[in-house]
Protein backbone atom coordinates (compact mmCIF):
# COMPACT_ATOMS: atom_id res chain seq x y z
CA MET A 1 -0.09 -0.05 0.00
CA SER A 2 1.29 3.52 -0.60
CA LEU A 3 0.47 7.18 -1.06
CA PRO A 4 0.61 8.99 -4.57
CA PRO A 5 3.95 10.73 -5.09
CA GLY A 6 4.23 14.17 -3.56
CA GLU A 7 1.93 13.36 -0.64
CA ARG A 8 2.79 12.78 2.96
CA ILE A 9 0.36 12.08 5.84
CA TYR A 10 1.14 12.62 9.56
CA ALA A 11 -1.50 10.44 11.37
CA VAL A 12 -1.73 11.36 15.12
CA GLY A 13 -3.21 9.03 17.83
CA ASP A 14 -5.53 9.71 20.61
CA ILE A 15 -4.72 13.22 22.49
CA HIS A 16 -7.25 12.98 25.40
CA GLY A 17 -6.66 16.47 26.82
CA CYS A 18 -2.85 16.16 26.56
CA LEU A 19 -1.95 19.68 25.15
CA ASP A 20 1.56 19.73 26.19
CA LYS A 21 2.21 16.61 24.07
CA LEU A 22 0.34 17.65 21.27
CA LEU A 23 2.05 21.03 20.96
CA GLN A 24 5.43 19.08 21.29
CA LEU A 25 4.43 16.61 18.65
CA HIS A 26 3.30 19.47 16.24
CA ARG A 27 6.83 21.01 16.84
CA ALA A 28 8.29 17.64 15.77
CA ILE A 29 6.05 17.39 12.62
CA ARG A 30 7.02 21.06 11.51
CA ALA A 31 10.66 20.13 12.19
CA ASP A 32 10.35 17.02 9.98
CA LEU A 33 8.55 19.11 7.19
CA ALA A 34 11.39 21.58 7.49
CA ALA A 35 14.10 19.00 7.04
CA TYR A 36 12.25 16.90 4.49
CA PRO A 37 9.82 19.39 2.35
CA ILE A 38 7.11 17.74 0.29
CA ALA A 39 4.50 19.13 -1.90
CA ARG A 40 1.38 18.16 -0.23
CA PRO A 41 1.76 17.26 3.43
CA LEU A 42 -1.55 16.47 5.66
CA ILE A 43 -2.07 16.09 9.24
CA VAL A 44 -4.81 13.51 10.17
CA HIS A 45 -5.76 13.41 13.80
CA LEU A 46 -7.52 10.35 14.50
CA GLY A 47 -10.12 11.49 17.12
CA ASP A 48 -10.36 11.35 21.16
CA TYR A 49 -9.29 14.99 21.66
CA ILE A 50 -11.10 15.32 24.85
CA ASP A 51 -11.73 13.58 28.31
CA ARG A 52 -9.50 12.19 30.95
CA GLY A 53 -6.41 14.40 30.38
CA PRO A 54 -6.01 17.88 31.84
CA ASP A 55 -6.91 20.47 29.14
CA SER A 56 -9.65 19.21 26.57
CA ALA A 57 -10.58 22.83 26.12
CA GLY A 58 -6.87 23.61 25.13
CA VAL A 59 -6.50 20.89 22.84
CA VAL A 60 -9.69 21.91 20.83
CA ARG A 61 -8.61 25.51 20.73
CA ALA A 62 -5.05 24.59 19.50
CA LEU A 63 -6.35 22.57 16.69
CA MET A 64 -8.94 25.20 15.89
CA GLY A 65 -6.06 27.84 15.74
CA MET A 66 -3.58 25.57 13.66
CA VAL A 67 -3.89 27.17 10.31
CA ASP A 68 -0.38 26.81 8.73
CA LEU A 69 -0.67 23.20 7.82
CA PRO A 70 -3.57 21.33 6.01
CA MET A 71 -5.42 19.15 8.48
CA VAL A 72 -8.14 16.62 8.63
CA ASN A 73 -9.81 16.04 12.12
CA LEU A 74 -11.71 12.72 12.52
CA MET A 75 -14.39 12.11 15.08
CA GLY A 76 -13.62 9.80 17.96
CA ASN A 77 -16.06 8.06 20.34
CA HIS A 78 -15.38 10.44 23.17
CA GLU A 79 -16.46 13.36 20.92
CA HIS A 80 -19.52 11.67 19.63
CA THR A 81 -20.61 10.77 23.33
CA ALA A 82 -19.82 14.36 24.19
CA LEU A 83 -22.00 15.80 21.49
CA ALA A 84 -24.92 13.44 22.52
CA ALA A 85 -24.57 14.57 26.25
CA LEU A 86 -24.49 18.20 25.31
CA GLY A 87 -27.57 17.57 23.23
CA GLY A 88 -29.32 16.60 26.34
CA GLU A 89 -29.40 12.79 25.97
CA GLY A 90 -29.56 11.45 29.55
CA ALA A 91 -27.71 8.12 29.04
CA ALA A 92 -25.01 9.80 27.03
CA CYS A 93 -24.45 12.37 29.99
CA ALA A 94 -23.93 9.59 32.32
CA ASP A 95 -21.54 7.76 29.79
CA TRP A 96 -19.61 10.94 29.27
CA LEU A 97 -19.02 11.55 32.89
CA ALA A 98 -17.90 7.94 33.27
CA TYR A 99 -15.32 8.08 30.73
CA GLY A 100 -13.62 11.45 31.74
CA GLY A 101 -16.11 13.98 30.78
CA ASP A 102 -16.06 15.49 34.22
CA VAL A 103 -12.57 16.59 33.71
CA ALA A 104 -13.30 18.00 30.17
CA LEU A 105 -16.25 19.90 31.38
CA ARG A 106 -13.96 21.46 34.05
CA SER A 107 -11.50 22.47 31.36
CA TRP A 108 -14.27 24.50 29.91
CA GLY A 109 -15.10 26.15 33.28
CA LEU A 110 -18.26 24.03 33.55
CA ASP A 111 -19.39 22.17 36.76
CA PRO A 112 -20.04 18.50 36.00
CA GLU A 113 -22.12 18.17 39.13
CA GLY A 114 -24.23 21.18 38.13
CA PRO A 115 -27.55 21.31 36.14
CA ARG A 116 -27.00 19.67 32.68
CA ALA A 117 -28.76 22.46 30.98
CA ALA A 118 -25.71 24.57 31.87
CA TRP A 119 -23.40 22.19 30.00
CA ARG A 120 -22.54 24.75 27.17
CA LEU A 121 -19.36 24.98 25.27
CA PRO A 122 -18.54 28.04 23.14
CA ALA A 123 -20.64 28.07 19.93
CA ALA A 124 -17.47 27.68 17.71
CA GLU A 125 -15.90 25.07 19.57
CA HIS A 126 -19.14 22.98 19.81
CA ALA A 127 -19.56 23.39 16.04
CA TRP A 128 -15.98 22.38 15.47
CA LEU A 129 -16.74 19.06 17.44
CA ALA A 130 -19.77 18.51 15.35
CA ALA A 131 -18.09 18.91 12.08
CA LEU A 132 -15.50 15.97 12.71
CA ARG A 133 -15.38 13.61 9.90
CA PRO A 134 -15.85 9.99 10.30
CA HIS A 135 -12.86 8.71 8.15
CA HIS A 136 -10.32 9.80 5.55
CA VAL A 137 -9.31 7.71 2.61
CA ALA A 138 -5.82 8.46 0.78
CA GLY A 139 -3.99 6.07 -1.52
CA GLY A 140 -3.87 2.66 -0.07
CA TYR A 141 -5.00 3.61 3.35
CA ILE A 142 -8.12 4.27 5.39
CA PHE A 143 -7.71 6.42 8.45
CA VAL A 144 -10.49 6.14 10.94
CA HIS A 145 -10.65 6.17 14.94
CA ALA A 146 -11.43 2.65 15.96
CA GLY A 147 -11.30 0.40 12.81
CA ILE A 148 -13.81 -1.35 10.45
CA ARG A 149 -16.04 -4.45 10.54
CA PRO A 150 -14.25 -7.23 8.83
CA GLY A 151 -16.13 -8.78 5.88
CA VAL A 152 -18.47 -5.82 5.63
CA PRO A 153 -18.22 -3.58 2.33
CA TRP A 154 -16.64 -0.16 3.01
CA GLU A 155 -19.85 1.55 1.81
CA GLU A 156 -21.84 -0.50 4.36
CA GLN A 157 -19.60 0.29 7.35
CA SER A 158 -21.41 1.80 10.22
CA LEU A 159 -20.40 4.88 12.20
CA GLU A 160 -20.64 2.88 15.48
CA ASP A 161 -17.97 0.57 14.14
CA LYS A 162 -15.86 3.22 12.88
CA LEU A 163 -15.90 4.90 16.29
CA ARG A 164 -15.97 2.08 18.76
CA ILE A 165 -14.94 -1.54 17.40
CA ARG A 166 -12.30 -3.34 19.28
CA ARG A 167 -11.86 -7.10 19.30
CA ALA A 168 -13.75 -8.11 16.02
CA PHE A 169 -11.32 -5.81 14.22
CA LEU A 170 -8.17 -6.05 16.12
CA ASP A 171 -8.21 -9.88 16.33
CA ASN A 172 -8.83 -10.27 12.65
CA GLU A 173 -5.87 -10.72 10.16
CA ASP A 174 -7.69 -10.67 6.77
CA GLU A 175 -6.76 -8.24 4.11
CA HIS A 176 -9.25 -5.34 4.02
CA GLY A 177 -8.55 -3.88 0.69
CA ALA A 178 -6.51 -0.94 2.39
CA ILE A 179 -4.40 -0.55 5.44
CA ILE A 180 -6.44 0.68 8.32
CA VAL A 181 -4.83 3.29 10.38
CA HIS A 182 -6.55 3.90 13.73
CA GLY A 183 -6.25 4.67 17.37
CA HIS A 184 -8.95 4.05 20.20
CA THR A 185 -7.43 1.05 21.79
CA PRO A 186 -4.12 1.73 23.50
CA THR A 187 -1.29 -0.55 22.37
CA ARG A 188 0.02 -2.90 24.96
CA GLY A 189 3.52 -1.77 24.75
CA ARG A 190 2.80 1.96 24.61
CA ALA A 191 4.46 2.05 21.23
CA PRO A 192 3.00 1.94 17.89
CA GLU A 193 2.13 -1.29 16.22
CA ARG A 194 2.43 -2.10 12.39
CA HIS A 195 0.39 -5.20 11.42
CA ARG A 196 -0.18 -6.66 8.01
CA ASN A 197 -3.67 -5.03 7.72
CA ARG A 198 -3.50 -2.10 10.00
CA VAL A 199 -1.44 0.35 12.04
CA ALA A 200 -2.38 1.24 15.65
CA LEU A 201 -1.30 4.75 16.76
CA ASP A 202 -2.89 5.08 20.17
CA THR A 203 0.13 4.82 22.43
CA GLY A 204 -1.69 5.73 25.65
CA ALA A 205 -0.78 9.39 25.94
CA VAL A 206 -3.14 10.12 28.69
CA PHE A 207 -2.08 7.00 30.72
CA GLY A 208 1.71 7.93 30.77
CA GLY A 209 2.73 6.85 27.25
CA PRO A 210 3.81 9.11 24.37
CA LEU A 211 1.51 10.76 21.88
CA THR A 212 2.50 9.11 18.57
CA CYS A 213 2.37 10.27 14.96
CA GLY A 214 2.69 7.82 11.99
CA VAL A 215 4.20 9.34 8.96
CA PHE A 216 3.11 7.83 5.60
CA GLU A 217 4.84 8.61 2.34
CA GLY A 218 4.85 6.42 -0.70
CA GLU A 219 5.60 2.99 0.73
CA LYS A 220 7.35 4.17 3.70
CA LEU A 221 6.24 4.58 7.37
CA TYR A 222 7.94 5.97 10.24
CA PHE A 223 7.03 7.44 13.57
CA LEU A 224 7.26 10.62 15.67
CA SER A 225 6.38 10.89 19.32
CA ALA A 226 6.25 13.30 22.17
CA GLY A 227 6.34 12.76 25.80
């Protein structure tokens, strides 16, 4: 699998409010581009920008303000749950709090124990979350937060699987017609994993691991990390 000539993709794993690591990794990406210029670079963030870590709001604002490089931002399951909770879905509110949404709310200056009607993000930041994309396809790669359902045609893949699938995807060794580049499930060794049919880039930044970026160019793959 490869990318067309002149293209390079920097795919960034799960951030989860780790603003310092994100800014450090972005500096590493800019340094890599300065050392090895290319015509069409692209940064693809694989989702899960918020929850658990100390500065979800700071991460969202940093990504919104990053205008010097082309970028695609994908939806993660944490953003999907947060949006449902902010829309007033009771079950989603409980789920969000259980999975680190309390820390995210505090980063926006909101009280997770207060009235849920008061959970309101700044309009531009809420709109940014709502506009996140479910996937990105380039060359022989599919970039998606969690993975895909093996054996299901691409056009029939559900958003639920793209955002939340685990073992049915991770344990499958079949060819998918493309290399799936994903985050969502932290790797066991806190290092990126390259398998025959997928590349795993969630190296547990919020759990003390590094924040990792896979760099895809032609048929090459190498990694950058922060923290």
